[in-house]
Amino acid sequence: MVKRLISADSSEMLAMNGAELKQSIKASEGRVVLSENVVTEEPSDGITTSEVAAAFGADMILLNGLDVLNPIILGLYPNEETSKTAKPHYDGQSIHRLQKLVGRPIGVNLEPVDPNAKMAEDKITIPEGRMASEKTMKEAERLGFNFIVLTGNPGTGVTNAQIAANIKVAKENFTGLVIAGKMHGAGVDEPVVSEESVKEFLDAGADVILVPAVGTVPGFDDDELKAVVKLAHNNGALVMSTIGTSQEGSGSSFMENIAIRNKIDGVDIQHVGDAAWGIQSPFENIFALSKAIRGQRHAITRMARSINR
């Protein structure tokens, strides 16, 4: 047995392996908040975006834009707050340092880019260290990440078929939690969510199925989300709803409404993305989502709990 994530101290969270983290999320009964942060933007007053997200109630932190083969996180080390002064740290300690600073499980986006994707928009090329592969997953393991997310940023050409293929690679090379799915089209001309793709993700071994939050992608409604939740839960997996369409900057009332709507539909984790400012969600919106899905007591307790416990 493990303690539920919303009540766990930093030392307890960071000691969990992938299976324990999954059980801890499940035990929290739909009250887990995950914040996604871009690591390549200059931080405020010398602290990382992850530290600010944790301070406003995020239980899990997802790093976007990180090249795991050339790991740079602006603000993580003294005098490395800009792209001109920051440098890659190859000693394998950067993620451990960030975990110590925020006291939260840390994950990274790795993008399963499909070279044969039928694009609906211009394709954006990303470096090898941001793509999903055996090499980058082994590096994510070496760096000490608690989870990885197999998904696509806008225009990168990530397909559901390529996500499914890379889930298998992840399960062979990474011991943490594996989250997989799409927040939006990622520039590809295919359905963002389909029952077929979800089944493929589950068969490949995904721990958590990632889907758009209802209210963020046109045409994806409550009934479809409930069907995904039922399918995932019946197969021992969890579900994460995601706000990755810049609506994370739509204001507190939107965040509250979308939080309750997706909680009713049964999701286990609620993700708030980084597109509002191109860095991370406005901090007050993280708190609004947190308070909506778990009440003021747990929202404030998470914010106030010492990272040294």
Protein backbone atom coordinates (compact mmCIF):
# COMPACT_ATOMS: atom_id res chain seq x y z
CA MET A 1 0.00 0.00 0.00
CA VAL A 2 1.12 3.57 -0.72
CA LYS A 3 -0.17 6.89 0.52
CA ARG A 4 -2.48 8.77 -1.83
CA LEU A 5 -0.58 11.38 -3.79
CA ILE A 6 -2.63 14.38 -2.61
CA SER A 7 -1.63 13.59 0.99
CA ALA A 8 1.95 12.42 0.44
CA ASP A 9 5.06 14.26 1.56
CA SER A 10 7.85 14.98 -0.89
CA SER A 11 10.06 12.16 0.39
CA GLU A 12 7.19 9.70 -0.02
CA MET A 13 6.32 10.84 -3.54
CA LEU A 14 9.88 10.81 -4.82
CA ALA A 15 10.54 7.34 -3.38
CA MET A 16 7.71 5.80 -5.43
CA ASN A 17 8.44 3.63 -8.45
CA GLY A 18 6.14 3.69 -11.48
CA ALA A 19 3.66 1.13 -10.13
CA GLU A 20 3.50 2.85 -6.74
CA LEU A 21 2.99 6.27 -8.30
CA LYS A 22 0.13 4.86 -10.36
CA GLN A 23 -1.54 3.38 -7.28
CA SER A 24 -1.02 6.62 -5.36
CA ILE A 25 -2.75 8.60 -8.13
CA LYS A 26 -5.61 6.10 -8.24
CA ALA A 27 -6.07 6.35 -4.48
CA SER A 28 -6.46 10.14 -4.80
CA GLU A 29 -9.81 9.64 -6.56
CA GLY A 30 -9.62 12.22 -9.33
CA ARG A 31 -7.92 14.97 -7.33
CA VAL A 32 -4.40 15.04 -8.81
CA VAL A 33 -3.13 18.17 -10.61
CA LEU A 34 -0.32 18.02 -13.17
CA SER A 35 1.28 21.23 -14.46
CA GLU A 36 3.23 21.36 -17.72
CA ASN A 37 6.06 23.90 -17.96
CA VAL A 38 8.35 25.00 -20.79
CA VAL A 39 11.94 24.82 -19.54
CA THR A 40 13.59 26.93 -22.25
CA GLU A 41 11.97 30.27 -21.35
CA GLU A 42 13.69 32.67 -18.99
CA PRO A 43 12.39 32.24 -15.44
CA SER A 44 11.19 34.96 -13.09
CA ASP A 45 13.61 36.19 -10.43
CA GLY A 46 15.98 33.27 -10.82
CA ILE A 47 13.63 30.38 -10.07
CA THR A 48 12.31 27.74 -12.41
CA THR A 49 8.78 27.63 -13.76
CA SER A 50 8.42 24.25 -12.04
CA GLU A 51 9.03 25.76 -8.60
CA VAL A 52 6.27 28.31 -9.14
CA ALA A 53 3.81 25.67 -10.39
CA ALA A 54 4.51 23.52 -7.34
CA ALA A 55 3.99 26.51 -5.06
CA PHE A 56 0.49 26.99 -6.48
CA GLY A 57 -0.61 23.42 -5.93
CA ALA A 58 0.64 21.10 -8.68
CA ASP A 59 1.19 17.51 -7.52
CA MET A 60 3.19 16.51 -10.60
CA ILE A 61 5.42 18.56 -12.91
CA LEU A 62 5.84 17.88 -16.64
CA LEU A 63 8.77 19.43 -18.52
CA ASN A 64 8.13 20.49 -22.10
CA GLY A 65 10.77 21.45 -24.64
CA LEU A 66 13.56 19.62 -22.79
CA ASP A 67 16.22 17.99 -24.93
CA VAL A 68 17.22 15.02 -22.77
CA LEU A 69 20.44 14.60 -24.75
CA ASN A 70 21.40 18.23 -24.06
CA PRO A 71 19.53 18.95 -20.82
CA ILE A 72 19.09 22.66 -20.13
CA ILE A 73 16.55 23.99 -17.61
CA LEU A 74 16.74 27.74 -17.31
CA GLY A 75 16.95 28.91 -13.71
CA LEU A 76 17.91 25.53 -12.31
CA TYR A 77 21.50 26.48 -11.51
CA PRO A 78 22.90 29.83 -10.33
CA ASN A 79 23.79 32.23 -13.14
CA GLU A 80 22.02 30.06 -15.73
CA GLU A 81 18.83 32.03 -16.15
CA THR A 82 19.13 32.86 -19.87
CA SER A 83 19.83 30.91 -23.01
CA LYS A 84 23.17 32.71 -23.25
CA THR A 85 24.38 31.67 -19.80
CA ALA A 86 22.78 28.23 -19.40
CA LYS A 87 24.63 25.09 -20.39
CA PRO A 88 23.76 21.39 -20.62
CA HIS A 89 24.49 19.33 -17.52
CA TYR A 90 25.53 15.82 -18.52
CA ASP A 91 26.33 14.53 -15.05
CA GLY A 92 22.83 13.13 -14.56
CA GLN A 93 22.09 15.37 -11.57
CA SER A 94 19.89 18.10 -13.07
CA ILE A 95 16.57 16.27 -12.61
CA HIS A 96 17.54 15.17 -9.11
CA ARG A 97 18.25 18.82 -8.32
CA LEU A 98 14.85 19.88 -9.66
CA GLN A 99 13.12 17.11 -7.69
CA LYS A 100 14.82 18.36 -4.55
CA LEU A 101 13.77 21.96 -5.25
CA VAL A 102 10.09 21.24 -5.98
CA GLY A 103 9.49 18.05 -4.02
CA ARG A 104 7.28 16.62 -6.75
CA PRO A 105 7.47 13.78 -9.27
CA ILE A 106 9.03 15.14 -12.46
CA GLY A 107 8.21 13.98 -15.99
CA VAL A 108 9.25 14.84 -19.54
CA ASN A 109 7.52 15.01 -22.91
CA LEU A 110 9.02 12.71 -25.54
CA GLU A 111 7.41 13.06 -28.94
CA PRO A 112 6.74 10.00 -31.16
CA VAL A 113 7.30 11.79 -34.45
CA ASP A 114 6.05 9.84 -37.48
CA PRO A 115 8.16 10.52 -40.59
CA ASN A 116 5.24 9.37 -42.75
CA ALA A 117 2.56 11.44 -41.02
CA LYS A 118 -0.13 12.97 -43.22
CA MET A 119 0.12 16.57 -42.10
CA ALA A 120 -2.75 19.04 -41.82
CA GLU A 121 -0.31 21.96 -41.35
CA ASP A 122 3.36 22.75 -41.81
CA LYS A 123 5.60 20.32 -39.97
CA ILE A 124 7.98 21.55 -37.28
CA THR A 125 11.32 19.81 -36.85
CA ILE A 126 12.46 19.13 -33.30
CA PRO A 127 15.85 17.88 -32.05
CA GLU A 128 16.58 14.20 -31.49
CA GLY A 129 16.64 14.70 -27.73
CA ARG A 130 12.95 15.65 -27.72
CA MET A 131 11.82 12.70 -29.85
CA ALA A 132 10.68 9.38 -28.43
CA SER A 133 13.20 6.63 -29.11
CA GLU A 134 15.04 3.87 -27.28
CA LYS A 135 17.97 6.25 -26.88
CA THR A 136 15.98 9.09 -25.32
CA MET A 137 13.97 6.77 -23.07
CA LYS A 138 17.16 5.23 -21.71
CA GLU A 139 18.44 8.73 -21.08
CA ALA A 140 15.20 9.67 -19.28
CA GLU A 141 15.75 6.61 -17.09
CA ARG A 142 19.36 7.62 -16.38
CA LEU A 143 18.36 11.17 -15.52
CA GLY A 144 15.88 9.89 -12.96
CA PHE A 145 12.52 11.03 -14.30
CA ASN A 146 9.48 9.70 -12.45
CA PHE A 147 7.31 9.56 -15.57
CA ILE A 148 7.35 10.19 -19.29
CA VAL A 149 4.57 11.50 -21.52
CA LEU A 150 4.37 10.31 -25.11
CA THR A 151 2.48 13.05 -26.92
CA GLY A 152 2.99 15.77 -29.51
CA ASN A 153 3.40 19.52 -29.52
CA PRO A 154 1.64 21.47 -32.30
CA GLY A 155 2.92 20.70 -35.79
CA THR A 156 5.45 18.02 -34.84
CA GLY A 157 3.81 15.19 -36.77
CA VAL A 158 3.05 12.79 -33.95
CA THR A 159 0.57 10.02 -34.84
CA ASN A 160 -1.42 7.62 -32.71
CA ALA A 161 0.24 4.66 -34.42
CA GLN A 162 3.68 5.99 -33.56
CA ILE A 163 2.60 6.63 -29.97
CA ALA A 164 1.48 3.00 -29.64
CA ALA A 165 4.78 1.75 -31.05
CA ASN A 166 6.76 3.88 -28.62
CA ILE A 167 4.77 2.78 -25.58
CA LYS A 168 6.26 -0.68 -26.09
CA VAL A 169 9.75 0.82 -26.33
CA ALA A 170 9.12 2.83 -23.17
CA LYS A 171 7.99 -0.19 -21.18
CA GLU A 172 11.21 -1.98 -22.14
CA ASN A 173 13.56 0.89 -21.28
CA PHE A 174 11.91 3.04 -18.62
CA THR A 175 10.80 1.99 -15.13
CA GLY A 176 8.65 5.01 -14.28
CA LEU A 177 5.06 5.79 -15.17
CA VAL A 178 4.21 5.85 -18.90
CA ILE A 179 1.50 8.32 -20.00
CA ALA A 180 0.43 8.35 -23.65
CA GLY A 181 -2.04 10.06 -25.97
CA LYS A 182 -2.84 13.35 -27.67
CA MET A 183 -3.93 16.74 -26.34
CA HIS A 184 -4.73 18.00 -29.86
CA GLY A 185 -3.97 17.05 -33.44
CA ALA A 186 -0.20 17.77 -33.29
CA GLY A 187 -0.53 18.90 -36.91
CA VAL A 188 -1.67 15.47 -38.18
CA ASP A 189 -4.80 14.81 -40.20
CA GLU A 190 -6.35 12.07 -38.01
CA PRO A 191 -8.83 11.89 -35.12
CA VAL A 192 -7.27 13.07 -31.87
CA VAL A 193 -9.01 10.30 -29.91
CA SER A 194 -10.49 7.04 -31.17
CA GLU A 195 -11.50 3.83 -29.44
CA GLU A 196 -9.11 1.95 -31.71
CA SER A 197 -6.11 4.08 -30.72
CA VAL A 198 -6.95 3.84 -27.01
CA LYS A 199 -7.12 0.04 -27.30
CA GLU A 200 -3.73 0.05 -29.02
CA PHE A 201 -2.23 2.17 -26.22
CA LEU A 202 -3.65 -0.17 -23.59
CA ASP A 203 -2.44 -3.28 -25.42
CA ALA A 204 1.03 -1.72 -25.64
CA GLY A 205 1.10 -1.26 -21.87
CA ALA A 206 0.33 2.42 -21.21
CA ASP A 207 -0.18 3.18 -17.52
CA VAL A 208 -2.19 6.35 -18.17
CA ILE A 209 -4.23 7.29 -21.24
CA LEU A 210 -3.92 10.97 -22.15
CA VAL A 211 -6.94 12.67 -23.76
CA PRO A 212 -8.04 16.26 -24.37
CA ALA A 213 -10.20 17.71 -21.63
CA VAL A 214 -13.83 17.97 -22.69
CA GLY A 215 -14.23 21.57 -23.79
CA THR A 216 -10.80 21.94 -25.42
CA VAL A 217 -10.96 20.03 -28.73
CA PRO A 218 -13.95 20.47 -31.07
CA GLY A 219 -16.26 17.45 -31.17
CA PHE A 220 -14.79 15.51 -28.25
CA ASP A 221 -17.66 15.29 -25.79
CA ASP A 222 -18.54 13.86 -22.40
CA ASP A 223 -19.87 10.58 -23.74
CA GLU A 224 -16.65 9.91 -25.65
CA LEU A 225 -14.52 10.73 -22.60
CA LYS A 226 -16.63 8.49 -20.36
CA ALA A 227 -16.16 5.64 -22.86
CA VAL A 228 -12.36 6.13 -22.76
CA VAL A 229 -12.40 6.22 -18.95
CA LYS A 230 -14.44 3.03 -18.74
CA LEU A 231 -12.20 1.25 -21.25
CA ALA A 232 -9.00 2.34 -19.49
CA HIS A 233 -10.21 1.56 -15.99
CA ASN A 234 -11.47 -1.86 -17.05
CA ASN A 235 -7.96 -2.58 -18.33
CA GLY A 236 -6.14 -1.40 -15.23
CA ALA A 237 -5.05 1.97 -16.63
CA LEU A 238 -5.74 5.53 -15.51
CA VAL A 239 -6.85 8.58 -17.53
CA MET A 240 -5.46 12.12 -17.67
CA SER A 241 -7.50 14.96 -19.17
CA THR A 242 -5.41 17.77 -20.66
CA ILE A 243 -5.85 21.48 -21.29
CA GLY A 244 -3.32 21.99 -24.05
CA THR A 245 -5.08 24.38 -26.43
CA SER A 246 -4.07 27.71 -24.80
CA GLN A 247 -7.34 27.70 -22.84
CA GLU A 248 -5.23 27.32 -19.71
CA GLY A 249 -5.20 31.12 -19.99
CA SER A 250 -8.98 31.47 -20.23
CA GLY A 251 -9.53 32.50 -16.62
CA SER A 252 -10.47 30.98 -13.30
CA SER A 253 -14.16 30.45 -14.08
CA PHE A 254 -13.30 28.38 -17.15
CA MET A 255 -10.78 26.35 -15.17
CA GLU A 256 -13.34 25.62 -12.48
CA ASN A 257 -16.01 24.60 -14.97
CA ILE A 258 -13.74 22.35 -16.99
CA ALA A 259 -12.30 20.79 -13.83
CA ILE A 260 -15.69 19.73 -12.51
CA ARG A 261 -16.94 18.58 -15.90
CA ASN A 262 -13.97 16.29 -16.47
CA LYS A 263 -14.02 15.03 -12.90
CA ILE A 264 -17.66 14.01 -13.39
CA ASP A 265 -16.52 12.07 -16.46
CA GLY A 266 -14.11 10.10 -14.26
CA VAL A 267 -10.55 11.19 -15.05
CA ASP A 268 -7.78 10.48 -12.54
CA ILE A 269 -5.38 13.35 -13.31
CA GLN A 270 -6.14 16.85 -14.55
CA HIS A 271 -3.37 18.45 -16.61
CA VAL A 272 -2.99 22.17 -17.13
CA GLY A 273 -0.76 23.12 -20.03
CA ASP A 274 1.86 25.73 -20.87
CA ALA A 275 0.38 27.51 -23.89
CA ALA A 276 -1.29 30.43 -22.09
CA TRP A 277 1.95 32.40 -21.97
CA GLY A 278 4.03 29.93 -23.94
CA ILE A 279 5.69 29.02 -20.62
CA GLN A 280 3.06 27.68 -18.21
CA SER A 281 -0.48 28.35 -17.04
CA PRO A 282 -1.13 31.55 -15.07
CA PHE A 283 -0.51 30.54 -11.48
CA GLU A 284 -3.93 31.59 -10.24
CA ASN A 285 -5.50 29.19 -12.74
CA ILE A 286 -3.52 26.25 -11.35
CA PHE A 287 -4.93 27.12 -7.93
CA ALA A 288 -8.46 27.50 -9.35
CA LEU A 289 -8.33 24.04 -10.91
CA SER A 290 -6.80 22.56 -7.76
CA LYS A 291 -9.45 24.05 -5.47
CA ALA A 292 -12.29 22.98 -7.79
CA ILE A 293 -11.39 19.28 -7.88
CA ARG A 294 -10.35 18.82 -4.25
CA GLY A 295 -11.57 21.75 -2.17
CA GLN A 296 -9.71 24.45 -0.32
CA ARG A 297 -8.42 22.13 2.40
CA HIS A 298 -6.38 19.87 0.12
CA ALA A 299 -5.48 22.71 -2.27
CA ILE A 300 -3.90 24.80 0.47
CA THR A 301 -2.34 21.81 2.22
CA ARG A 302 -0.51 20.90 -0.99
CA MET A 303 0.72 24.48 -1.37
CA ALA A 304 1.86 24.74 2.25
CA ARG A 305 3.37 21.27 2.79
CA SER A 306 7.12 21.55 3.29
CA ILE A 307 9.27 19.97 0.60
CA ASN A 308 11.65 18.84 3.35
CA ARG A 309 9.17 16.41 4.91
